[in-house]
């Protein structure tokens, strides 16, 4: 039975081309060129004429190789399900045997499954083969998906709504983690599970330092955090975290009595002075028990680093993780992968949407960083560059990535002046247009609000 022809014919006869959209049917699901041309023509016509279907005569004239079949008794759901199952079956057979052009009956692509398996055996990297195989399986699973419900009725909703209310009443439905900044907490309350937070900043201005500070704060609250650091290696990242952690705890004091941490540059270069070196090794001895929470770290060049959203979904499936960091988001191979919707930026748009779904389904907090580019070099009257916190229009990425964020947090710093700033341009839970200036002594792990009132006076022995 030719399910593609029957499905298109049913949509034409019922004047219901939108049924093809409702049941998640795409051009790639059809087997023959005639069916694909007919599908494109019907959908283009519906878009142009407000959801109307062309007549059978019009389709026959435009696509002579398509022969409609109106002896249709099956439902849309039945036809679409079988169409998509056959499409997934063909794709799997093509992986094993190669792709055959149905018009010429010639092989146009060699078998991929055996080829990749042999390549993995030769290279000794079977992990890469299974990563590819997992991605193919996920793709085939998605291909068979048919939406069969318009929405949930009140009868469906009432019991699950009652359960959700009881969970919220008992504090079991979602969690809120505090940010590292008291003033920011007053604006947005905190980080909510199920939500995503985007951090925007120019290259080299300290986005990863802000990530480390947020991570330190979450680990102190007992959160289990997964960090994918695509551009920073393990030693460099952990050196920053140690510097920040010891600054928060006030391990050292600088010349004017400010609480600072172990010097980051000296840790990186292996040139810690004697007394400081002793304190460094004391911290290192208890590093695995330093926080109530657990850090799961994947860094640049590390064998454990995974780069696909399928990997992330698998890593979250065990329920061990509370918070995820992607630094930066475009470190995912999905962002530059197959352009699933044939539009500019389609792969990145699809990746952003899937990331949103994974975070929501896993009920974790999601963070990502993304690079911004501020063109104008703004300086004050004294010639010193001023803070310029980026806005969303300075981020060159798909707008979908920015749309999925509950809060978009812009970040900038002026290292020579020891200042940094964060701003919130987008805030679903409040905080929009909020700005906060911070003390920034990156080499000593300091990124915090300036002291106020009595605390500020005490700093200078007033």
Protein backbone atom coordinates (compact mmCIF):
# COMPACT_ATOMS: atom_id res chain seq x y z
CA UNK A 1 0.00 0.00 0.00
CA UNK A 2 1.35 3.44 -0.97
CA UNK A 3 0.72 5.42 2.21
CA UNK A 4 2.29 8.62 0.82
CA UNK A 5 -0.08 8.81 -2.13
CA UNK A 6 -3.09 7.95 0.04
CA UNK A 7 -2.21 10.60 2.63
CA UNK A 8 -1.77 13.41 0.10
CA UNK A 9 -4.93 12.34 -1.72
CA UNK A 10 -6.93 12.36 1.52
CA UNK A 11 -5.70 15.90 2.31
CA UNK A 12 -6.74 17.06 -1.19
CA UNK A 13 -10.15 15.37 -1.06
CA UNK A 14 -10.93 16.70 2.43
CA UNK A 15 -9.50 20.15 1.60
CA UNK A 16 -7.35 19.79 4.72
CA UNK A 17 -3.65 20.24 3.82
CA UNK A 18 -2.90 21.32 7.39
CA UNK A 19 -3.45 17.70 8.43
CA UNK A 20 -0.01 16.99 6.98
CA UNK A 21 1.44 19.50 9.44
CA UNK A 22 -0.67 18.30 12.36
CA UNK A 23 0.71 14.80 12.01
CA UNK A 24 4.32 15.92 11.66
CA UNK A 25 4.71 14.81 8.03
CA UNK A 26 7.71 16.18 6.08
CA UNK A 27 8.89 15.92 2.48
CA UNK A 28 11.61 13.45 3.47
CA UNK A 29 8.97 10.93 4.59
CA UNK A 30 7.79 10.29 1.02
CA UNK A 31 9.42 7.61 -1.12
CA UNK A 32 9.00 8.80 -4.71
CA UNK A 33 9.88 12.04 -6.47
CA UNK A 34 6.25 12.38 -7.59
CA UNK A 35 4.97 12.25 -4.01
CA UNK A 36 7.57 14.77 -2.87
CA UNK A 37 6.70 17.20 -5.68
CA UNK A 38 2.99 16.80 -4.95
CA UNK A 39 3.58 17.40 -1.23
CA UNK A 40 5.57 20.59 -1.97
CA UNK A 41 2.92 21.84 -4.37
CA UNK A 42 0.03 21.19 -1.95
CA UNK A 43 1.84 22.86 0.98
CA UNK A 44 2.95 25.87 -1.10
CA UNK A 45 -0.59 26.29 -2.40
CA UNK A 46 -2.04 26.09 1.14
CA UNK A 47 0.41 28.72 2.37
CA UNK A 48 -0.48 31.06 -0.50
CA UNK A 49 -4.25 30.56 -0.30
CA UNK A 50 -4.83 30.52 3.46
CA UNK A 51 -4.99 26.81 4.16
CA UNK A 52 -6.94 25.73 1.07
CA UNK A 53 -5.94 22.62 -0.87
CA UNK A 54 -5.59 22.60 -4.66
CA UNK A 55 -8.00 20.43 -6.64
CA UNK A 56 -6.96 17.00 -7.90
CA UNK A 57 -6.94 18.39 -11.46
CA UNK A 58 -4.55 21.18 -10.46
CA UNK A 59 -2.18 18.71 -8.78
CA UNK A 60 -2.31 16.38 -11.81
CA UNK A 61 -1.49 19.30 -14.11
CA UNK A 62 1.45 20.53 -12.00
CA UNK A 63 2.80 17.08 -11.09
CA UNK A 64 1.93 14.65 -13.92
CA UNK A 65 3.90 11.81 -12.28
CA UNK A 66 1.61 11.87 -9.21
CA UNK A 67 -1.51 9.74 -9.51
CA UNK A 68 -3.99 10.45 -6.66
CA UNK A 69 -5.91 7.61 -5.07
CA UNK A 70 -9.20 8.56 -3.45
CA UNK A 71 -10.22 5.09 -2.25
CA UNK A 72 -9.29 6.14 1.28
CA UNK A 73 -10.96 4.79 4.38
CA UNK A 74 -8.05 4.94 6.84
CA UNK A 75 -7.54 7.82 9.27
CA UNK A 76 -4.84 10.48 8.95
CA UNK A 77 -3.11 9.06 12.00
CA UNK A 78 -2.97 5.54 10.57
CA UNK A 79 -1.65 6.74 7.22
CA UNK A 80 0.92 9.10 8.73
CA UNK A 81 2.16 6.49 11.21
CA UNK A 82 2.70 3.90 8.47
CA UNK A 83 4.27 6.47 6.14
CA UNK A 84 6.81 7.52 8.79
CA UNK A 85 7.51 3.92 9.84
CA UNK A 86 8.29 3.00 6.22
CA UNK A 87 10.52 6.09 5.88
CA UNK A 88 12.50 5.14 9.00
CA UNK A 89 12.74 1.55 7.73
CA UNK A 90 14.16 2.76 4.39
CA UNK A 91 16.66 4.99 6.14
CA UNK A 92 17.86 2.11 8.32
CA UNK A 93 18.21 -0.17 5.28
CA UNK A 94 20.18 2.58 3.55
CA UNK A 95 22.58 2.70 6.49
CA UNK A 96 23.23 -1.02 6.07
CA UNK A 97 23.05 -1.47 2.28
CA UNK A 98 23.58 1.99 0.83
CA UNK A 99 21.05 4.36 -0.73
CA UNK A 100 19.30 3.37 -3.95
CA UNK A 101 17.76 6.02 -6.21
CA UNK A 102 14.14 4.81 -6.64
CA UNK A 103 13.91 6.47 -10.07
CA UNK A 104 17.04 4.87 -11.60
CA UNK A 105 17.42 1.90 -9.22
CA UNK A 106 21.13 2.73 -8.93
CA UNK A 107 23.16 2.92 -5.74
CA UNK A 108 24.03 6.57 -5.03
CA UNK A 109 25.54 6.14 -1.56
CA UNK A 110 27.62 3.30 -0.17
CA UNK A 111 26.65 1.50 3.08
CA UNK A 112 27.50 3.68 6.07
CA UNK A 113 27.10 1.24 8.96
CA UNK A 114 29.74 -1.24 7.87
CA UNK A 115 32.07 1.51 6.61
CA UNK A 116 32.03 3.40 9.90
CA UNK A 117 32.40 0.21 11.93
CA UNK A 118 35.51 -0.80 9.96
CA UNK A 119 36.95 2.72 10.30
CA UNK A 120 36.39 2.59 14.08
CA UNK A 121 38.11 -0.80 14.29
CA UNK A 122 41.12 0.54 12.40
CA UNK A 123 41.38 3.71 14.49
CA UNK A 124 40.66 1.94 17.78
CA UNK A 125 37.99 4.52 18.63
CA UNK A 126 34.83 2.44 19.03
CA UNK A 127 33.38 5.14 21.29
CA UNK A 128 33.14 7.50 18.33
CA UNK A 129 31.34 4.81 16.30
CA UNK A 130 28.78 4.19 19.04
CA UNK A 131 28.27 7.93 19.46
CA UNK A 132 27.44 8.13 15.74
CA UNK A 133 25.21 5.04 15.99
CA UNK A 134 23.32 6.52 18.95
CA UNK A 135 22.74 9.70 16.98
CA UNK A 136 21.37 7.71 14.03
CA UNK A 137 19.05 5.75 16.33
CA UNK A 138 17.77 8.98 17.87
CA UNK A 139 17.15 10.42 14.42
CA UNK A 140 15.20 7.32 13.35
CA UNK A 141 13.14 7.44 16.53
CA UNK A 142 12.22 11.06 15.84
CA UNK A 143 11.30 10.14 12.25
CA UNK A 144 8.54 7.78 13.49
CA UNK A 145 6.95 10.39 15.76
CA UNK A 146 3.34 11.25 14.88
CA UNK A 147 1.47 13.87 16.83
CA UNK A 148 -1.97 12.51 17.51
CA UNK A 149 -3.41 14.94 20.06
CA UNK A 150 -4.43 18.56 19.63
CA UNK A 151 -4.17 19.17 23.36
CA UNK A 152 -5.18 18.01 26.83
CA UNK A 153 -8.78 18.48 27.93
CA UNK A 154 -9.80 19.59 31.42
CA UNK A 155 -10.71 15.97 32.16
CA UNK A 156 -7.09 15.02 31.37
CA UNK A 157 -5.71 17.93 33.33
CA UNK A 158 -7.57 17.94 36.64
CA UNK A 159 -5.81 15.06 38.41
CA UNK A 160 -2.31 15.99 37.26
CA UNK A 161 -3.07 19.59 38.25
CA UNK A 162 -4.09 18.43 41.72
CA UNK A 163 -0.83 16.43 42.03
CA UNK A 164 1.24 19.41 40.92
CA UNK A 165 -0.45 21.69 43.46
CA UNK A 166 0.27 19.23 46.29
CA UNK A 167 3.92 19.03 45.21
CA UNK A 168 4.19 22.81 45.22
CA UNK A 169 2.48 23.04 48.60
CA UNK A 170 5.04 20.59 49.99
CA UNK A 171 7.96 22.25 48.20
CA UNK A 172 8.67 19.21 46.01
CA UNK A 173 7.77 20.51 42.55
CA UNK A 174 10.71 22.73 41.72
CA UNK A 175 13.77 24.12 43.42
CA UNK A 176 15.24 27.60 43.57
CA UNK A 177 18.96 28.21 43.98
CA UNK A 178 20.30 31.57 45.07
CA UNK A 179 22.61 33.59 42.81
CA UNK A 180 26.00 34.77 44.17
CA UNK A 181 24.70 38.35 44.42
CA UNK A 182 22.24 39.47 47.08
CA UNK A 183 21.00 42.39 45.00
CA UNK A 184 20.35 40.12 42.01
CA UNK A 185 18.43 37.68 44.23
CA UNK A 186 16.05 40.50 45.13
CA UNK A 187 15.41 41.09 41.44
CA UNK A 188 14.95 37.57 40.02
CA UNK A 189 14.58 35.47 43.23
CA UNK A 190 17.15 32.94 42.03
CA UNK A 191 17.79 30.16 39.53
CA UNK A 192 14.69 27.96 38.95
CA UNK A 193 14.86 24.31 37.90
CA UNK A 194 13.42 23.80 34.45
CA UNK A 195 14.63 27.25 33.37
CA UNK A 196 17.56 28.35 31.20
CA UNK A 197 19.87 31.31 31.79
CA UNK A 198 22.02 32.80 29.04
CA UNK A 199 25.27 34.66 29.75
CA UNK A 200 26.44 37.08 27.03
CA UNK A 201 29.85 38.70 26.90
CA UNK A 202 32.71 39.70 24.65
CA UNK A 203 35.62 37.34 24.20
CA UNK A 204 38.15 37.55 27.05
CA UNK A 205 35.95 39.68 29.34
CA UNK A 206 35.37 37.03 32.01
CA UNK A 207 32.29 35.00 31.08
CA UNK A 208 33.96 31.83 32.34
CA UNK A 209 34.87 33.56 35.62
CA UNK A 210 31.21 34.41 36.09
CA UNK A 211 30.35 30.77 35.32
CA UNK A 212 32.87 29.64 37.97
CA UNK A 213 31.41 32.01 40.55
CA UNK A 214 27.86 30.81 39.87
CA UNK A 215 29.13 27.22 40.03
CA UNK A 216 30.84 27.86 43.39
CA UNK A 217 27.60 29.30 44.77
CA UNK A 218 25.53 26.33 43.54
CA UNK A 219 27.96 23.73 44.89
CA UNK A 220 27.78 25.46 48.29
CA UNK A 221 24.00 25.01 48.17
CA UNK A 222 24.39 21.26 47.59
CA UNK A 223 23.64 21.21 43.87
CA UNK A 224 25.16 18.51 41.69
CA UNK A 225 26.55 20.35 38.66
CA UNK A 226 27.59 19.13 35.21
CA UNK A 227 30.00 21.48 33.44
CA UNK A 228 30.85 21.11 29.75
CA UNK A 229 33.78 23.48 29.22
CA UNK A 230 34.42 23.29 25.49
CA UNK A 231 37.19 25.90 25.39
CA UNK A 232 38.96 25.63 28.78
CA UNK A 233 40.98 22.65 29.96
CA UNK A 234 40.51 21.03 33.35
CA UNK A 235 43.59 22.47 35.08
CA UNK A 236 42.82 26.04 34.03
CA UNK A 237 39.14 25.79 34.99
CA UNK A 238 39.77 24.22 38.39
CA UNK A 239 42.51 26.75 39.11
CA UNK A 240 39.93 29.51 38.63
CA UNK A 241 37.39 27.68 40.79
CA UNK A 242 39.94 27.26 43.63
CA UNK A 243 40.84 30.94 43.42
CA UNK A 244 37.16 31.93 43.57
CA UNK A 245 36.29 29.46 46.36
CA UNK A 246 39.12 30.70 48.58
CA UNK A 247 38.17 34.33 47.87
CA UNK A 248 34.56 33.67 48.92
CA UNK A 249 35.90 32.11 52.14
CA UNK A 250 38.35 34.99 52.66
CA UNK A 251 41.43 32.77 52.85
CA UNK A 252 43.81 35.70 52.26
CA UNK A 253 43.78 39.48 52.77
CA UNK A 254 45.29 41.96 50.36
CA UNK A 255 47.25 45.08 51.31
CA UNK A 256 44.14 47.12 52.08
CA UNK A 257 42.39 44.36 54.00
CA UNK A 258 40.09 42.99 51.34
CA UNK A 259 39.29 39.26 51.38
CA UNK A 260 40.89 37.58 48.37
CA UNK A 261 41.69 34.08 47.19
CA UNK A 262 44.73 32.17 46.05
CA UNK A 263 46.41 33.90 43.08
CA UNK A 264 45.25 32.32 39.87
CA UNK A 265 48.22 33.23 37.67
CA UNK A 266 50.66 31.78 40.19
CA UNK A 267 48.69 28.51 40.27
CA UNK A 268 48.78 28.35 36.47
CA UNK A 269 52.51 29.09 36.28
CA UNK A 270 53.46 26.91 39.27
CA UNK A 271 55.05 29.85 41.12
CA UNK A 272 53.17 30.13 44.40
CA UNK A 273 55.15 31.71 47.24
CA UNK A 274 55.95 29.52 50.24
CA UNK A 275 53.18 30.47 52.68
CA UNK A 276 50.57 30.72 49.95
CA UNK A 277 51.80 27.42 48.51
CA UNK A 278 51.12 25.69 51.84
CA UNK A 279 47.57 27.04 51.92
CA UNK A 280 47.06 25.93 48.32
CA UNK A 281 47.96 22.32 49.15
CA UNK A 282 45.77 22.42 52.25
CA UNK A 283 42.83 23.38 50.05
CA UNK A 284 43.79 20.76 47.46
CA UNK A 285 43.85 18.02 50.12
CA UNK A 286 40.18 18.65 50.98
CA UNK A 287 39.00 19.64 47.49
CA UNK A 288 36.81 16.54 47.07
CA UNK A 289 34.93 17.38 50.28
CA UNK A 290 35.06 21.17 49.99
CA UNK A 291 31.45 21.50 48.80
CA UNK A 292 28.18 19.84 49.82
CA UNK A 293 27.37 19.50 46.11
CA UNK A 294 29.21 17.43 43.51
CA UNK A 295 30.97 18.69 40.40
CA UNK A 296 30.94 16.55 37.25
CA UNK A 297 33.45 18.23 34.96
CA UNK A 298 34.08 17.73 31.25
CA UNK A 299 36.84 19.95 29.89
CA UNK A 300 38.50 20.73 26.59
CA UNK A 301 40.60 17.82 25.26
CA UNK A 302 39.31 15.54 28.03
CA UNK A 303 38.26 12.03 27.00
CA UNK A 304 35.04 12.32 28.98
CA UNK A 305 33.88 15.46 27.08
CA UNK A 306 30.79 14.78 24.98
CA UNK A 307 29.47 17.22 22.41
CA UNK A 308 25.96 16.24 21.36
CA UNK A 309 22.56 16.90 22.87
CA UNK A 310 21.86 13.15 22.73
CA UNK A 311 24.84 12.70 25.05
CA UNK A 312 23.52 15.40 27.36
CA UNK A 313 20.08 13.81 27.47
CA UNK A 314 21.67 10.47 28.37
CA UNK A 315 23.85 12.07 31.07
CA UNK A 316 20.82 13.69 32.69
CA UNK A 317 18.65 10.58 32.51
CA UNK A 318 20.02 9.12 35.73
CA UNK A 319 18.66 11.98 37.85
CA UNK A 320 22.05 12.77 39.46
CA UNK A 321 22.39 16.27 38.00
CA UNK A 322 20.70 19.45 39.23
CA UNK A 323 22.45 22.07 37.09
CA UNK A 324 24.05 22.04 33.62
CA UNK A 325 26.57 24.54 32.17
CA UNK A 326 27.40 24.70 28.44
CA UNK A 327 30.40 27.01 28.00
CA UNK A 328 29.90 28.04 25.23
CA UNK A 329 26.68 26.80 23.62
CA UNK A 330 28.22 26.61 20.16
CA UNK A 331 30.66 23.99 21.47
CA UNK A 332 27.89 21.48 20.75
CA UNK A 333 28.30 19.72 17.43
CA UNK A 334 24.50 19.91 17.02
CA UNK A 335 24.77 23.68 16.49
CA UNK A 336 26.67 23.14 13.25
CA UNK A 337 25.08 19.83 12.33
CA UNK A 338 22.43 18.82 9.82
CA UNK A 339 20.25 21.75 8.77
CA UNK A 340 17.00 20.03 9.61
CA UNK A 341 14.61 22.75 8.46
CA UNK A 342 16.59 23.94 5.42
CA UNK A 343 16.84 27.54 6.66
CA UNK A 344 19.79 29.74 7.52
CA UNK A 345 20.80 28.93 11.09
CA UNK A 346 18.41 25.97 11.10
CA UNK A 347 20.77 23.62 12.91
CA UNK A 348 21.40 26.14 15.71
CA UNK A 349 17.68 26.87 15.99
CA UNK A 350 16.87 23.17 16.26
CA UNK A 351 19.66 22.66 18.83
CA UNK A 352 18.36 25.55 20.97
CA UNK A 353 14.83 24.13 20.97
CA UNK A 354 16.03 20.64 21.81
CA UNK A 355 18.23 21.99 24.62
CA UNK A 356 15.18 23.78 26.03
CA UNK A 357 13.18 20.54 25.94
CA UNK A 358 15.96 18.51 27.59
CA UNK A 359 16.31 21.03 30.45
CA UNK A 360 12.55 21.14 30.98
CA UNK A 361 12.04 17.39 30.80
CA UNK A 362 14.99 16.75 33.16
CA UNK A 363 13.84 19.49 35.58
CA UNK A 364 17.34 20.93 35.99
CA UNK A 365 18.75 24.46 35.80
CA UNK A 366 20.44 25.20 32.47
CA UNK A 367 23.16 27.77 31.79
CA UNK A 368 24.87 28.59 28.52
CA UNK A 369 27.37 31.24 27.47
CA UNK A 370 27.46 32.95 24.10
CA UNK A 371 29.85 35.49 22.65
CA UNK A 372 28.78 39.07 22.04
CA UNK A 373 30.53 41.67 19.91
CA UNK A 374 30.39 45.36 20.90
CA UNK A 375 31.62 47.46 18.00
CA UNK A 376 32.13 50.87 19.60
CA UNK A 377 35.10 51.25 21.92
CA UNK A 378 33.62 53.47 24.56
CA UNK A 379 36.05 55.42 26.75
CA UNK A 380 35.54 58.03 29.39
CA UNK A 381 37.01 61.52 29.51
CA UNK A 382 40.13 60.13 31.18
CA UNK A 383 40.72 57.74 28.26
CA UNK A 384 39.86 54.60 30.26
CA UNK A 385 37.47 52.13 28.66
CA UNK A 386 34.10 52.13 30.36
CA UNK A 387 31.94 49.14 31.10
CA UNK A 388 29.75 48.23 28.15
CA UNK A 389 27.41 45.42 29.07
CA UNK A 390 26.26 43.70 25.84
CA UNK A 391 22.64 43.53 24.78
CA UNK A 392 20.97 40.79 22.77
CA UNK A 393 21.40 42.65 19.47
CA UNK A 394 25.18 42.29 19.89
CA UNK A 395 24.98 38.49 19.92
CA UNK A 396 25.43 36.87 16.51
CA UNK A 397 23.45 33.68 16.91
CA UNK A 398 19.99 32.33 16.20
CA UNK A 399 17.34 34.38 17.99
CA UNK A 400 15.84 31.08 19.17
CA UNK A 401 18.79 30.59 21.56
CA UNK A 402 18.09 33.96 23.15
CA UNK A 403 14.34 33.30 23.27
CA UNK A 404 14.66 30.12 25.35
CA UNK A 405 16.40 31.97 28.22
CA UNK A 406 14.39 32.98 31.28
CA UNK A 407 17.00 35.69 31.86
CA UNK A 408 19.63 37.00 29.46
CA UNK A 409 22.59 38.19 31.52
CA UNK A 410 25.08 40.55 29.91
CA UNK A 411 28.58 40.66 31.42
CA UNK A 412 31.59 42.94 30.96
CA UNK A 413 34.73 43.82 32.91
CA UNK A 414 37.54 46.37 32.91
CA UNK A 415 40.41 44.44 34.46
CA UNK A 416 42.74 47.41 34.91
CA UNK A 417 40.12 49.28 36.89
CA UNK A 418 39.06 46.24 38.91
CA UNK A 419 35.40 46.56 37.97
CA UNK A 420 32.83 44.42 36.20
CA UNK A 421 29.13 44.68 35.58
CA UNK A 422 26.13 42.47 34.91
CA UNK A 423 22.88 43.51 33.34
CA UNK A 424 19.63 41.76 32.57
CA UNK A 425 17.99 42.67 29.30
CA UNK A 426 15.35 39.96 29.31
CA UNK A 427 13.62 38.79 32.47
CA UNK A 428 10.54 36.58 32.59
CA UNK A 429 10.69 36.51 36.39
CA UNK A 430 11.67 40.16 36.82
CA UNK A 431 14.96 42.00 36.69
CA UNK A 432 14.64 43.40 33.17
CA UNK A 433 16.95 46.41 32.64
CA UNK A 434 18.63 45.63 35.98
CA UNK A 435 22.34 46.55 36.23
CA UNK A 436 24.86 45.84 38.97
CA UNK A 437 28.48 46.99 39.20
CA UNK A 438 30.93 44.55 40.79
CA UNK A 439 34.40 44.49 42.28
CA UNK A 440 36.54 42.36 39.95
CA UNK A 441 40.00 41.14 40.95
CA UNK A 442 40.09 38.10 38.70
CA UNK A 443 43.61 36.99 39.56
CA UNK A 444 42.56 36.68 43.21
CA UNK A 445 39.16 35.08 42.56
CA UNK A 446 37.16 38.17 43.48
CA UNK A 447 33.90 38.96 41.70
CA UNK A 448 31.42 40.39 44.16
CA UNK A 449 29.24 43.34 44.98
CA UNK A 450 30.95 46.42 46.33
CA UNK A 451 30.58 46.67 50.13
CA UNK A 452 28.00 49.15 51.36
CA UNK A 453 27.28 51.01 54.56
CA UNK A 454 29.14 49.78 57.64
CA UNK A 455 30.96 47.08 55.68
CA UNK A 456 32.38 49.69 53.31
CA UNK A 457 33.46 51.94 56.17
CA UNK A 458 35.08 49.06 58.07
CA UNK A 459 37.18 48.27 55.05
CA UNK A 460 38.93 51.60 55.41
CA UNK A 461 39.01 51.72 59.25
CA UNK A 462 36.58 54.67 59.42
